[in-house]
Amino acid sequence: AIRQKPWVVDGEVRPRWVTTVSGSFDH
């Protein structure tokens, strides 16, 4: 999911659109 979250940008906390990319692979 892409959500607005607090994110540190140039030393300041700002609201940004944040998501998580995950994956599974054949080792």
PDB file of all heavy atoms in Angstrom:
ATOM      1  N   ALA A   1       0.832  -1.198   0.000  1.00  0.00           N
ATOM      2  CA  ALA A   1       0.000   0.000   0.000  1.00  0.00           C
ATOM      3  C   ALA A   1       0.872   1.255   0.000  1.00  0.00           C
ATOM      4  O   ALA A   1       1.937   1.286   0.623  1.00  0.00           O
ATOM      5  CB  ALA A   1      -0.910   0.001   1.223  1.00  0.00           C
ATOM      6  N   ILE A   2       0.447   2.280  -0.717  1.00  0.00           N
ATOM      7  CA  ILE A   2       1.158   3.559  -0.769  1.00  0.00           C
ATOM      8  C   ILE A   2       0.405   4.530   0.138  1.00  0.00           C
ATOM      9  O   ILE A   2      -0.739   4.883  -0.138  1.00  0.00           O
ATOM     10  CB  ILE A   2       1.243   4.093  -2.207  1.00  0.00           C
ATOM     11  CG1 ILE A   2       1.920   3.057  -3.112  1.00  0.00           C
ATOM     12  CG2 ILE A   2       1.997   5.413  -2.246  1.00  0.00           C
ATOM     13  CD1 ILE A   2       1.998   3.460  -4.570  1.00  0.00           C
ATOM     14  N   ARG A   3       1.061   4.948   1.230  1.00  0.00           N
ATOM     15  CA  ARG A   3       0.406   5.795   2.224  1.00  0.00           C
ATOM     16  C   ARG A   3       1.275   7.014   2.518  1.00  0.00           C
ATOM     17  O   ARG A   3       2.496   6.959   2.380  1.00  0.00           O
ATOM     18  CB  ARG A   3       0.199   5.039   3.539  1.00  0.00           C
ATOM     19  CG  ARG A   3      -0.313   3.628   3.448  1.00  0.00           C
ATOM     20  CD  ARG A   3      -0.315   3.011   4.846  1.00  0.00           C
ATOM     21  NE  ARG A   3      -0.530   1.575   4.832  1.00  0.00           N
ATOM     22  CZ  ARG A   3      -1.720   0.994   4.885  1.00  0.00           C
ATOM     23  NH1 ARG A   3      -2.807   1.752   4.929  1.00  0.00           N
ATOM     24  NH2 ARG A   3      -1.846  -0.316   4.890  1.00  0.00           N
ATOM     25  N   GLN A   4       0.646   8.071   2.991  1.00  0.00           N
ATOM     26  CA  GLN A   4       1.407   9.214   3.473  1.00  0.00           C
ATOM     27  C   GLN A   4       1.924   8.913   4.884  1.00  0.00           C
ATOM     28  O   GLN A   4       1.153   8.554   5.775  1.00  0.00           O
ATOM     29  CB  GLN A   4       0.555  10.468   3.476  1.00  0.00           C
ATOM     30  CG  GLN A   4       0.469  11.145   2.123  1.00  0.00           C
ATOM     31  CD  GLN A   4       0.136  12.615   2.216  1.00  0.00           C
ATOM     32  OE1 GLN A   4      -0.708  13.015   2.997  1.00  0.00           O
ATOM     33  NE2 GLN A   4       0.802  13.434   1.413  1.00  0.00           N
ATOM     34  N   LYS A   5       3.243   9.064   5.040  1.00  0.00           N
ATOM     35  CA  LYS A   5       3.885   8.791   6.319  1.00  0.00           C
ATOM     36  C   LYS A   5       4.951   9.849   6.572  1.00  0.00           C
ATOM     37  O   LYS A   5       5.460  10.480   5.627  1.00  0.00           O
ATOM     38  CB  LYS A   5       4.543   7.399   6.317  1.00  0.00           C
ATOM     39  CG  LYS A   5       3.588   6.233   6.205  1.00  0.00           C
ATOM     40  CD  LYS A   5       4.345   4.915   6.269  1.00  0.00           C
ATOM     41  CE  LYS A   5       3.405   3.726   6.195  1.00  0.00           C
ATOM     42  NZ  LYS A   5       4.141   2.435   6.271  1.00  0.00           N
ATOM     43  N   PRO A   6       5.337  10.020   7.823  1.00  0.00           N
ATOM     44  CA  PRO A   6       6.464  10.921   8.100  1.00  0.00           C
ATOM     45  C   PRO A   6       7.757  10.317   7.583  1.00  0.00           C
ATOM     46  O   PRO A   6       8.031   9.134   7.784  1.00  0.00           O
ATOM     47  CB  PRO A   6       6.451  11.030   9.632  1.00  0.00           C
ATOM     48  CG  PRO A   6       5.730   9.816  10.110  1.00  0.00           C
ATOM     49  CD  PRO A   6       4.728   9.481   9.059  1.00  0.00           C
ATOM     50  N   TRP A   7       8.569  11.147   6.906  1.00  0.00           N
ATOM     51  CA  TRP A   7       9.799  10.665   6.266  1.00  0.00           C
ATOM     52  C   TRP A   7      10.854  11.753   6.413  1.00  0.00           C
ATOM     53  O   TRP A   7      10.553  12.945   6.253  1.00  0.00           O
ATOM     54  CB  TRP A   7       9.519  10.384   4.789  1.00  0.00           C
ATOM     55  CG  TRP A   7      10.573   9.577   4.078  1.00  0.00           C
ATOM     56  CD1 TRP A   7      11.605  10.053   3.327  1.00  0.00           C
ATOM     57  CD2 TRP A   7      10.684   8.155   4.035  1.00  0.00           C
ATOM     58  NE1 TRP A   7      12.348   9.032   2.816  1.00  0.00           N
ATOM     59  CE2 TRP A   7      11.797   7.843   3.241  1.00  0.00           C
ATOM     60  CE3 TRP A   7       9.946   7.121   4.603  1.00  0.00           C
ATOM     61  CZ2 TRP A   7      12.204   6.537   2.982  1.00  0.00           C
ATOM     62  CZ3 TRP A   7      10.333   5.814   4.349  1.00  0.00           C
ATOM     63  CH2 TRP A   7      11.443   5.524   3.552  1.00  0.00           C
ATOM     64  N   VAL A   8      12.055  11.351   6.701  1.00  0.00           N
ATOM     65  CA  VAL A   8      13.125  12.329   6.878  1.00  0.00           C
ATOM     66  C   VAL A   8      13.711  12.696   5.519  1.00  0.00           C
ATOM     67  O   VAL A   8      14.218  11.850   4.786  1.00  0.00           O
ATOM     68  CB  VAL A   8      14.228  11.785   7.796  1.00  0.00           C
ATOM     69  CG1 VAL A   8      15.366  12.805   7.914  1.00  0.00           C
ATOM     70  CG2 VAL A   8      13.665  11.436   9.177  1.00  0.00           C
ATOM     71  N   VAL A   9      13.620  14.005   5.171  1.00  0.00           N
ATOM     72  CA  VAL A   9      14.150  14.526   3.923  1.00  0.00           C
ATOM     73  C   VAL A   9      15.060  15.710   4.250  1.00  0.00           C
ATOM     74  O   VAL A   9      14.604  16.713   4.819  1.00  0.00           O
ATOM     75  CB  VAL A   9      13.017  14.980   2.973  1.00  0.00           C
ATOM     76  CG1 VAL A   9      13.609  15.515   1.668  1.00  0.00           C
ATOM     77  CG2 VAL A   9      12.046  13.840   2.712  1.00  0.00           C
ATOM     78  N   ASP A  10      16.346  15.584   3.903  1.00  0.00           N
ATOM     79  CA  ASP A  10      17.319  16.654   4.171  1.00  0.00           C
ATOM     80  C   ASP A  10      17.301  17.064   5.645  1.00  0.00           C
ATOM     81  O   ASP A  10      17.328  18.263   5.981  1.00  0.00           O
ATOM     82  CB  ASP A  10      17.040  17.873   3.288  1.00  0.00           C
ATOM     83  CG  ASP A  10      17.191  17.558   1.800  1.00  0.00           C
ATOM     84  OD1 ASP A  10      18.005  16.674   1.478  1.00  0.00           O
ATOM     85  OD2 ASP A  10      16.495  18.182   0.987  1.00  0.00           O
ATOM     86  N   GLY A  11      17.204  16.079   6.508  1.00  0.00           N
ATOM     87  CA  GLY A  11      17.268  16.350   7.938  1.00  0.00           C
ATOM     88  C   GLY A  11      15.974  16.830   8.554  1.00  0.00           C
ATOM     89  O   GLY A  11      15.938  17.114   9.755  1.00  0.00           O
ATOM     90  N   GLU A  12      14.907  16.899   7.754  1.00  0.00           N
ATOM     91  CA  GLU A  12      13.616  17.347   8.273  1.00  0.00           C
ATOM     92  C   GLU A  12      12.558  16.264   8.050  1.00  0.00           C
ATOM     93  O   GLU A  12      12.583  15.550   7.045  1.00  0.00           O
ATOM     94  CB  GLU A  12      13.163  18.634   7.572  1.00  0.00           C
ATOM     95  CG  GLU A  12      14.073  19.826   7.815  1.00  0.00           C
ATOM     96  CD  GLU A  12      13.568  21.080   7.120  1.00  0.00           C
ATOM     97  OE1 GLU A  12      12.540  20.961   6.403  1.00  0.00           O
ATOM     98  OE2 GLU A  12      14.180  22.141   7.281  1.00  0.00           O
ATOM     99  N   VAL A  13      11.636  16.165   8.999  1.00  0.00           N
ATOM    100  CA  VAL A  13      10.546  15.207   8.879  1.00  0.00           C
ATOM    101  C   VAL A  13       9.422  15.833   8.058  1.00  0.00           C
ATOM    102  O   VAL A  13       8.899  16.889   8.410  1.00  0.00           O
ATOM    103  CB  VAL A  13      10.026  14.780  10.268  1.00  0.00           C
ATOM    104  CG1 VAL A  13       8.845  13.827  10.115  1.00  0.00           C
ATOM    105  CG2 VAL A  13      11.140  14.139  11.077  1.00  0.00           C
ATOM    106  N   ARG A  14       9.081  15.165   6.968  1.00  0.00           N
ATOM    107  CA  ARG A  14       8.048  15.673   6.077  1.00  0.00           C
ATOM    108  C   ARG A  14       7.069  14.557   5.728  1.00  0.00           C
ATOM    109  O   ARG A  14       7.433  13.382   5.752  1.00  0.00           O
ATOM    110  CB  ARG A  14       8.663  16.206   4.772  1.00  0.00           C
ATOM    111  CG  ARG A  14       9.680  17.315   4.964  1.00  0.00           C
ATOM    112  CD  ARG A  14      10.264  17.724   3.631  1.00  0.00           C
ATOM    113  NE  ARG A  14      11.334  18.700   3.773  1.00  0.00           N
ATOM    114  CZ  ARG A  14      12.077  19.151   2.770  1.00  0.00           C
ATOM    115  NH1 ARG A  14      11.846  18.697   1.538  1.00  0.00           N
ATOM    116  NH2 ARG A  14      13.038  20.045   2.979  1.00  0.00           N
ATOM    117  N   PRO A  15       5.830  14.910   5.379  1.00  0.00           N
ATOM    118  CA  PRO A  15       4.896  13.878   4.912  1.00  0.00           C
ATOM    119  C   PRO A  15       5.258  13.460   3.483  1.00  0.00           C
ATOM    120  O   PRO A  15       5.405  14.313   2.595  1.00  0.00           O
ATOM    121  CB  PRO A  15       3.533  14.586   4.959  1.00  0.00           C
ATOM    122  CG  PRO A  15       3.849  16.038   4.825  1.00  0.00           C
ATOM    123  CD  PRO A  15       5.183  16.233   5.475  1.00  0.00           C
ATOM    124  N   ARG A  16       5.423  12.173   3.271  1.00  0.00           N
ATOM    125  CA  ARG A  16       5.772  11.646   1.948  1.00  0.00           C
ATOM    126  C   ARG A  16       4.906  10.420   1.660  1.00  0.00           C
ATOM    127  O   ARG A  16       4.373   9.774   2.569  1.00  0.00           O
ATOM    128  CB  ARG A  16       7.256  11.237   1.887  1.00  0.00           C
ATOM    129  CG  ARG A  16       8.222  12.332   2.285  1.00  0.00           C
ATOM    130  CD  ARG A  16       8.321  13.403   1.233  1.00  0.00           C
ATOM    131  NE  ARG A  16       9.124  12.986   0.084  1.00  0.00           N
ATOM    132  CZ  ARG A  16       9.421  13.777  -0.943  1.00  0.00           C
ATOM    133  NH1 ARG A  16       8.950  15.032  -0.969  1.00  0.00           N
ATOM    134  NH2 ARG A  16      10.160  13.348  -1.933  1.00  0.00           N
ATOM    135  N   TRP A  17       4.771  10.107   0.379  1.00  0.00           N
ATOM    136  CA  TRP A  17       4.077   8.887  -0.024  1.00  0.00           C
ATOM    137  C   TRP A  17       5.062   7.727   0.077  1.00  0.00           C
ATOM    138  O   TRP A  17       6.066   7.690  -0.638  1.00  0.00           O
ATOM    139  CB  TRP A  17       3.546   9.011  -1.446  1.00  0.00           C
ATOM    140  CG  TRP A  17       2.407   9.974  -1.580  1.00  0.00           C
ATOM    141  CD1 TRP A  17       2.448  11.246  -2.064  1.00  0.00           C
ATOM    142  CD2 TRP A  17       1.057   9.737  -1.199  1.00  0.00           C
ATOM    143  NE1 TRP A  17       1.213  11.835  -2.015  1.00  0.00           N
ATOM    144  CE2 TRP A  17       0.318  10.923  -1.479  1.00  0.00           C
ATOM    145  CE3 TRP A  17       0.375   8.661  -0.639  1.00  0.00           C
ATOM    146  CZ2 TRP A  17      -1.036  11.047  -1.233  1.00  0.00           C
ATOM    147  CZ3 TRP A  17      -0.989   8.777  -0.396  1.00  0.00           C
ATOM    148  CH2 TRP A  17      -1.681   9.953  -0.689  1.00  0.00           C
ATOM    149  N   VAL A  18       4.773   6.785   0.960  1.00  0.00           N
ATOM    150  CA  VAL A  18       5.718   5.701   1.256  1.00  0.00           C
ATOM    151  C   VAL A  18       5.063   4.352   0.960  1.00  0.00           C
ATOM    152  O   VAL A  18       3.880   4.136   1.243  1.00  0.00           O
ATOM    153  CB  VAL A  18       6.155   5.748   2.734  1.00  0.00           C
ATOM    154  CG1 VAL A  18       7.101   4.582   3.058  1.00  0.00           C
ATOM    155  CG2 VAL A  18       6.837   7.086   3.033  1.00  0.00           C
ATOM    156  N   THR A  19       5.834   3.447   0.389  1.00  0.00           N
ATOM    157  CA  THR A  19       5.371   2.087   0.134  1.00  0.00           C
ATOM    158  C   THR A  19       6.479   1.107   0.500  1.00  0.00           C
ATOM    159  O   THR A  19       7.612   1.505   0.786  1.00  0.00           O
ATOM    160  CB  THR A  19       4.960   1.896  -1.339  1.00  0.00           C
ATOM    161  OG1 THR A  19       4.340   0.623  -1.507  1.00  0.00           O
ATOM    162  CG2 THR A  19       6.167   1.973  -2.273  1.00  0.00           C
ATOM    163  N   THR A  20       6.145  -0.165   0.479  1.00  0.00           N
ATOM    164  CA  THR A  20       7.123  -1.222   0.726  1.00  0.00           C
ATOM    165  C   THR A  20       7.145  -2.157  -0.473  1.00  0.00           C
ATOM    166  O   THR A  20       6.092  -2.604  -0.944  1.00  0.00           O
ATOM    167  CB  THR A  20       6.776  -2.025   1.991  1.00  0.00           C
ATOM    168  OG1 THR A  20       6.738  -1.147   3.112  1.00  0.00           O
ATOM    169  CG2 THR A  20       7.813  -3.116   2.255  1.00  0.00           C
ATOM    170  N   VAL A  21       8.340  -2.439  -0.968  1.00  0.00           N
ATOM    171  CA  VAL A  21       8.526  -3.412  -2.041  1.00  0.00           C
ATOM    172  C   VAL A  21       9.136  -4.662  -1.425  1.00  0.00           C
ATOM    173  O   VAL A  21      10.190  -4.592  -0.788  1.00  0.00           O
ATOM    174  CB  VAL A  21       9.441  -2.862  -3.153  1.00  0.00           C
ATOM    175  CG1 VAL A  21       9.695  -3.931  -4.209  1.00  0.00           C
ATOM    176  CG2 VAL A  21       8.830  -1.627  -3.784  1.00  0.00           C
ATOM    177  N   SER A  22       8.470  -5.787  -1.575  1.00  0.00           N
ATOM    178  CA  SER A  22       8.974  -7.047  -1.033  1.00  0.00           C
ATOM    179  C   SER A  22       8.970  -8.091  -2.129  1.00  0.00           C
ATOM    180  O   SER A  22       8.275  -7.954  -3.144  1.00  0.00           O
ATOM    181  CB  SER A  22       8.118  -7.508   0.155  1.00  0.00           C
ATOM    182  OG  SER A  22       6.749  -7.577  -0.200  1.00  0.00           O
ATOM    183  N   GLY A  23       9.729  -9.141  -1.925  1.00  0.00           N
ATOM    184  CA  GLY A  23       9.781 -10.178  -2.952  1.00  0.00           C
ATOM    185  C   GLY A  23      10.351 -11.474  -2.433  1.00  0.00           C
ATOM    186  O   GLY A  23      11.042 -11.508  -1.409  1.00  0.00           O
ATOM    187  N   SER A  24      10.017 -12.569  -3.131  1.00  0.00           N
ATOM    188  CA  SER A  24      10.555 -13.896  -2.826  1.00  0.00           C
ATOM    189  C   SER A  24      11.260 -14.428  -4.068  1.00  0.00           C
ATOM    190  O   SER A  24      10.812 -14.198  -5.199  1.00  0.00           O
ATOM    191  CB  SER A  24       9.430 -14.849  -2.411  1.00  0.00           C
ATOM    192  OG  SER A  24       8.783 -14.409  -1.243  1.00  0.00           O
ATOM    193  N   PHE A  25      12.346 -15.170  -3.838  1.00  0.00           N
ATOM    194  CA  PHE A  25      13.175 -15.636  -4.939  1.00  0.00           C
ATOM    195  C   PHE A  25      13.667 -17.057  -4.672  1.00  0.00           C
ATOM    196  O   PHE A  25      13.790 -17.474  -3.518  1.00  0.00           O
ATOM    197  CB  PHE A  25      14.366 -14.695  -5.150  1.00  0.00           C
ATOM    198  CG  PHE A  25      13.953 -13.278  -5.436  1.00  0.00           C
ATOM    199  CD1 PHE A  25      13.700 -12.393  -4.394  1.00  0.00           C
ATOM    200  CD2 PHE A  25      13.777 -12.849  -6.737  1.00  0.00           C
ATOM    201  CE1 PHE A  25      13.295 -11.096  -4.634  1.00  0.00           C
ATOM    202  CE2 PHE A  25      13.362 -11.551  -6.991  1.00  0.00           C
ATOM    203  CZ  PHE A  25      13.126 -10.670  -5.946  1.00  0.00           C
ATOM    204  N   ASP A  26      13.959 -17.773  -5.742  1.00  0.00           N
ATOM    205  CA  ASP A  26      14.478 -19.140  -5.671  1.00  0.00           C
ATOM    206  C   ASP A  26      15.977 -19.076  -5.402  1.00  0.00           C
ATOM    207  O   ASP A  26      16.761 -18.673  -6.268  1.00  0.00           O
ATOM    208  CB  ASP A  26      14.192 -19.859  -6.996  1.00  0.00           C
ATOM    209  CG  ASP A  26      14.529 -21.338  -6.941  1.00  0.00           C
ATOM    210  OD1 ASP A  26      15.308 -21.746  -6.059  1.00  0.00           O
ATOM    211  OD2 ASP A  26      14.016 -22.087  -7.800  1.00  0.00           O
ATOM    212  N   HIS A  27      16.364 -19.478  -4.190  1.00  0.00           N
ATOM    213  CA  HIS A  27      17.770 -19.355  -3.774  1.00  0.00           C
ATOM    214  C   HIS A  27      18.679 -20.319  -4.527  1.00  0.00           C
ATOM    215  O   HIS A  27      19.914 -20.183  -4.464  1.00  0.00           O
ATOM    216  CB  HIS A  27      17.883 -19.592  -2.267  1.00  0.00           C
ATOM    217  CG  HIS A  27      18.931 -18.761  -1.611  1.00  0.00           C
ATOM    218  ND1 HIS A  27      20.105 -18.397  -2.239  1.00  0.00           N
ATOM    219  CD2 HIS A  27      18.999 -18.211  -0.371  1.00  0.00           C
ATOM    220  CE1 HIS A  27      20.849 -17.666  -1.415  1.00  0.00           C
ATOM    221  NE2 HIS A  27      20.192 -17.544  -0.277  1.00  0.00           N
TER     222      HIS A  27
END
